[in-house]
């Protein structure tokens, strides 16, 4: 379940930092009862960013497959072996 805290609780930075690292998920910050910000640990951010990059790469790959921009794996491997003398 997502953690939601009011913005006034950000004054206790040590507690908020500990909460970020303990939960290992985003914390949603509200201001006047409405969503305002999302706070997360650096580790969680890096993990999430890597997933976003992977999903973006998969999207590009899917588009290339649909456009027919693919090569036979065996032929591609033969070409690499020949080029580098492997």
N, C-alpha and C. Protein backbone atom coordinates (compact mmCIF):
# COMPACT_ATOMS: atom_id res chain seq x y z
N UNK A 1 0.85 -1.19 0.00
CA UNK A 1 0.00 0.00 0.00
C UNK A 1 0.89 1.24 0.00
N UNK A 2 0.59 2.21 -0.83
CA UNK A 2 1.46 3.39 -0.92
C UNK A 2 1.46 4.20 0.38
N UNK A 3 2.63 4.76 0.67
CA UNK A 3 2.78 5.62 1.84
C UNK A 3 2.49 7.05 1.41
N UNK A 4 1.58 7.70 2.11
CA UNK A 4 1.21 9.07 1.79
C UNK A 4 1.40 9.90 3.05
N UNK A 5 2.17 10.99 2.93
CA UNK A 5 2.37 11.85 4.10
C UNK A 5 2.17 13.31 3.70
N UNK A 6 1.74 14.15 4.65
CA UNK A 6 1.58 15.58 4.35
C UNK A 6 2.94 16.27 4.29
N UNK A 7 3.01 17.35 3.56
CA UNK A 7 4.27 18.06 3.33
C UNK A 7 4.89 18.55 4.63
N UNK A 8 4.10 18.84 5.65
CA UNK A 8 4.65 19.36 6.91
C UNK A 8 5.55 18.32 7.59
N UNK A 9 5.37 17.03 7.28
CA UNK A 9 6.21 15.99 7.88
C UNK A 9 7.62 15.97 7.28
N UNK A 10 7.85 16.72 6.21
CA UNK A 10 9.18 16.77 5.62
C UNK A 10 10.17 17.54 6.49
N UNK A 11 9.67 18.24 7.51
CA UNK A 11 10.56 18.95 8.43
C UNK A 11 11.46 17.99 9.18
N UNK A 12 10.98 16.79 9.45
CA UNK A 12 11.77 15.77 10.14
C UNK A 12 12.51 14.95 9.09
N UNK A 13 13.57 15.53 8.53
CA UNK A 13 14.25 14.93 7.38
C UNK A 13 14.86 13.56 7.69
N UNK A 14 15.39 13.39 8.89
CA UNK A 14 16.00 12.10 9.24
C UNK A 14 14.95 10.99 9.22
N UNK A 15 13.78 11.27 9.76
CA UNK A 15 12.71 10.28 9.79
C UNK A 15 12.20 9.97 8.38
N UNK A 16 12.07 10.99 7.56
CA UNK A 16 11.60 10.79 6.18
C UNK A 16 12.63 9.99 5.39
N UNK A 17 13.91 10.30 5.58
CA UNK A 17 14.97 9.54 4.91
C UNK A 17 14.93 8.08 5.31
N UNK A 18 14.80 7.83 6.59
CA UNK A 18 14.73 6.44 7.08
C UNK A 18 13.52 5.73 6.49
N UNK A 19 12.40 6.44 6.41
CA UNK A 19 11.18 5.85 5.85
C UNK A 19 11.39 5.48 4.38
N UNK A 20 12.04 6.35 3.64
CA UNK A 20 12.33 6.08 2.22
C UNK A 20 13.14 4.80 2.06
N UNK A 21 14.15 4.65 2.89
CA UNK A 21 15.04 3.49 2.76
C UNK A 21 14.40 2.22 3.32
N UNK A 22 13.57 2.35 4.33
CA UNK A 22 12.90 1.19 4.92
C UNK A 22 11.84 0.63 3.98
N UNK A 23 11.03 1.52 3.42
CA UNK A 23 9.93 1.07 2.56
C UNK A 23 10.44 0.58 1.20
N UNK A 24 11.50 1.21 0.71
CA UNK A 24 12.03 0.89 -0.62
C UNK A 24 10.94 1.00 -1.69
N UNK A 25 10.17 2.06 -1.58
CA UNK A 25 9.15 2.40 -2.58
C UNK A 25 8.90 3.90 -2.49
N UNK A 26 8.24 4.48 -3.46
CA UNK A 26 7.99 5.92 -3.43
C UNK A 26 7.07 6.32 -2.27
N UNK A 27 7.30 7.52 -1.78
CA UNK A 27 6.42 8.11 -0.76
C UNK A 27 5.73 9.30 -1.43
N UNK A 28 4.44 9.34 -1.35
CA UNK A 28 3.66 10.40 -1.97
C UNK A 28 3.44 11.51 -0.95
N UNK A 29 3.77 12.75 -1.34
CA UNK A 29 3.67 13.91 -0.47
C UNK A 29 2.44 14.73 -0.90
N UNK A 30 1.61 15.07 0.08
CA UNK A 30 0.42 15.87 -0.21
C UNK A 30 0.60 17.29 0.33
N UNK A 31 -0.06 18.21 -0.33
CA UNK A 31 -0.08 19.61 0.10
C UNK A 31 -1.52 20.07 0.03
N UNK A 32 -2.05 20.49 1.15
CA UNK A 32 -3.45 20.90 1.25
C UNK A 32 -4.39 19.79 0.78
N UNK A 33 -4.01 18.55 1.07
CA UNK A 33 -4.87 17.41 0.75
C UNK A 33 -4.75 16.89 -0.68
N UNK A 34 -3.89 17.49 -1.48
CA UNK A 34 -3.74 17.08 -2.87
C UNK A 34 -2.32 16.58 -3.12
N UNK A 35 -2.16 15.65 -4.05
CA UNK A 35 -0.85 15.14 -4.41
C UNK A 35 0.05 16.27 -4.89
N UNK A 36 1.29 16.28 -4.41
CA UNK A 36 2.21 17.36 -4.76
C UNK A 36 3.54 16.83 -5.27
N UNK A 37 4.13 15.83 -4.58
CA UNK A 37 5.46 15.33 -4.93
C UNK A 37 5.55 13.84 -4.65
N UNK A 38 6.60 13.25 -5.20
CA UNK A 38 6.94 11.86 -4.91
C UNK A 38 8.39 11.85 -4.45
N UNK A 39 8.64 11.14 -3.37
CA UNK A 39 9.98 11.07 -2.77
C UNK A 39 10.41 9.62 -2.72
N UNK A 40 11.69 9.35 -3.06
CA UNK A 40 12.19 7.98 -3.01
C UNK A 40 13.69 7.98 -2.74
N UNK A 41 14.20 6.84 -2.31
CA UNK A 41 15.63 6.71 -2.07
C UNK A 41 16.37 6.68 -3.40
N UNK A 42 17.66 6.97 -3.35
CA UNK A 42 18.48 6.93 -4.57
C UNK A 42 18.53 5.51 -5.14
N UNK A 43 18.63 4.51 -4.27
CA UNK A 43 18.68 3.11 -4.74
C UNK A 43 17.40 2.76 -5.49
N UNK A 44 16.26 3.13 -4.93
CA UNK A 44 14.99 2.83 -5.58
C UNK A 44 14.89 3.58 -6.91
N UNK A 45 15.34 4.83 -6.91
CA UNK A 45 15.30 5.63 -8.13
C UNK A 45 16.14 4.98 -9.23
N UNK A 46 17.38 4.56 -8.89
CA UNK A 46 18.26 3.94 -9.88
C UNK A 46 17.66 2.65 -10.43
N UNK A 47 17.08 1.84 -9.55
CA UNK A 47 16.44 0.59 -9.99
C UNK A 47 15.29 0.89 -10.94
N UNK A 48 14.48 1.88 -10.59
CA UNK A 48 13.34 2.26 -11.42
C UNK A 48 13.79 2.83 -12.75
N UNK A 49 14.84 3.66 -12.72
CA UNK A 49 15.36 4.26 -13.96
C UNK A 49 15.88 3.19 -14.91
N UNK A 50 16.57 2.20 -14.38
CA UNK A 50 17.08 1.10 -15.21
C UNK A 50 15.93 0.33 -15.85
N UNK A 51 14.84 0.12 -15.10
CA UNK A 51 13.68 -0.56 -15.67
C UNK A 51 13.07 0.26 -16.79
N UNK A 52 12.96 1.59 -16.60
CA UNK A 52 12.40 2.46 -17.64
C UNK A 52 13.24 2.39 -18.90
N UNK A 53 14.57 2.39 -18.74
CA UNK A 53 15.46 2.30 -19.90
C UNK A 53 15.27 0.97 -20.62
N UNK A 54 15.13 -0.12 -19.85
CA UNK A 54 14.94 -1.43 -20.46
C UNK A 54 13.62 -1.47 -21.23
N UNK A 55 12.56 -0.92 -20.63
CA UNK A 55 11.27 -0.89 -21.31
C UNK A 55 11.34 -0.06 -22.59
N UNK A 56 12.07 1.05 -22.55
CA UNK A 56 12.22 1.88 -23.75
C UNK A 56 12.97 1.11 -24.83
N UNK A 57 14.02 0.39 -24.44
CA UNK A 57 14.76 -0.43 -25.41
C UNK A 57 13.87 -1.53 -26.01
N UNK A 58 13.05 -2.13 -25.18
CA UNK A 58 12.13 -3.17 -25.67
C UNK A 58 11.12 -2.58 -26.66
N UNK A 59 10.67 -1.37 -26.38
CA UNK A 59 9.73 -0.70 -27.29
C UNK A 59 10.39 -0.47 -28.65
N UNK A 60 11.62 0.00 -28.63
CA UNK A 60 12.37 0.22 -29.88
C UNK A 60 12.53 -1.10 -30.63
N UNK A 61 12.86 -2.15 -29.90
CA UNK A 61 13.03 -3.47 -30.53
C UNK A 61 11.74 -3.94 -31.17
N UNK A 62 10.63 -3.77 -30.48
CA UNK A 62 9.33 -4.17 -31.03
C UNK A 62 9.02 -3.41 -32.32
N UNK A 63 9.33 -2.11 -32.32
CA UNK A 63 9.10 -1.30 -33.52
C UNK A 63 9.97 -1.80 -34.68
N UNK A 64 11.22 -2.11 -34.37
CA UNK A 64 12.13 -2.60 -35.41
C UNK A 64 11.66 -3.94 -35.96
N UNK A 65 11.16 -4.80 -35.11
CA UNK A 65 10.62 -6.09 -35.57
C UNK A 65 9.44 -5.86 -36.49
N UNK A 66 8.52 -4.96 -36.10
CA UNK A 66 7.34 -4.69 -36.93
C UNK A 66 7.73 -4.08 -38.28
N UNK A 67 8.84 -3.33 -38.31
CA UNK A 67 9.29 -2.70 -39.55
C UNK A 67 10.17 -3.64 -40.38
N UNK A 68 10.40 -4.83 -39.86
CA UNK A 68 11.20 -5.80 -40.59
C UNK A 68 12.70 -5.52 -40.55
N UNK A 69 13.14 -4.74 -39.59
CA UNK A 69 14.56 -4.40 -39.48
C UNK A 69 15.28 -5.41 -38.59
N UNK A 70 15.23 -6.65 -38.99
CA UNK A 70 15.88 -7.71 -38.21
C UNK A 70 16.83 -8.49 -39.11
N UNK A 71 17.75 -9.23 -38.47
CA UNK A 71 18.67 -10.10 -39.21
C UNK A 71 18.61 -11.47 -38.58
N UNK A 72 18.89 -12.47 -39.39
CA UNK A 72 18.97 -13.83 -38.90
C UNK A 72 20.15 -13.91 -37.93
N UNK A 73 19.94 -14.46 -36.75
CA UNK A 73 20.97 -14.50 -35.71
C UNK A 73 22.21 -15.27 -36.16
N UNK A 74 22.02 -16.38 -36.85
CA UNK A 74 23.16 -17.18 -37.30
C UNK A 74 24.03 -16.40 -38.29
N UNK A 75 23.36 -15.71 -39.23
CA UNK A 75 24.11 -14.93 -40.21
C UNK A 75 24.84 -13.76 -39.55
N UNK A 76 24.19 -13.14 -38.60
CA UNK A 76 24.81 -12.01 -37.89
C UNK A 76 26.03 -12.50 -37.11
N UNK A 77 25.92 -13.65 -36.46
CA UNK A 77 27.03 -14.21 -35.69
C UNK A 77 28.18 -14.61 -36.62
N UNK A 78 27.86 -15.18 -37.77
CA UNK A 78 28.89 -15.54 -38.74
C UNK A 78 29.64 -14.28 -39.20
N UNK A 79 28.90 -13.22 -39.42
CA UNK A 79 29.49 -11.96 -39.85
C UNK A 79 30.45 -11.41 -38.79
N UNK A 80 30.07 -11.47 -37.53
CA UNK A 80 30.92 -10.99 -36.44
C UNK A 80 32.16 -11.87 -36.33
N UNK A 81 31.98 -13.18 -36.42
CA UNK A 81 33.12 -14.10 -36.34
C UNK A 81 34.12 -13.83 -37.47
N UNK A 82 33.59 -13.64 -38.66
CA UNK A 82 34.46 -13.38 -39.80
C UNK A 82 35.20 -12.05 -39.65
N UNK A 83 34.50 -11.05 -39.17
CA UNK A 83 35.09 -9.72 -39.03
C UNK A 83 36.21 -9.71 -38.01
N UNK A 84 36.04 -10.44 -36.90
CA UNK A 84 37.03 -10.41 -35.82
C UNK A 84 37.88 -11.68 -35.74
N UNK A 85 37.76 -12.55 -36.73
CA UNK A 85 38.57 -13.75 -36.79
C UNK A 85 38.35 -14.70 -35.64
N UNK A 86 37.14 -14.86 -35.25
CA UNK A 86 36.80 -15.77 -34.13
C UNK A 86 36.44 -17.15 -34.59
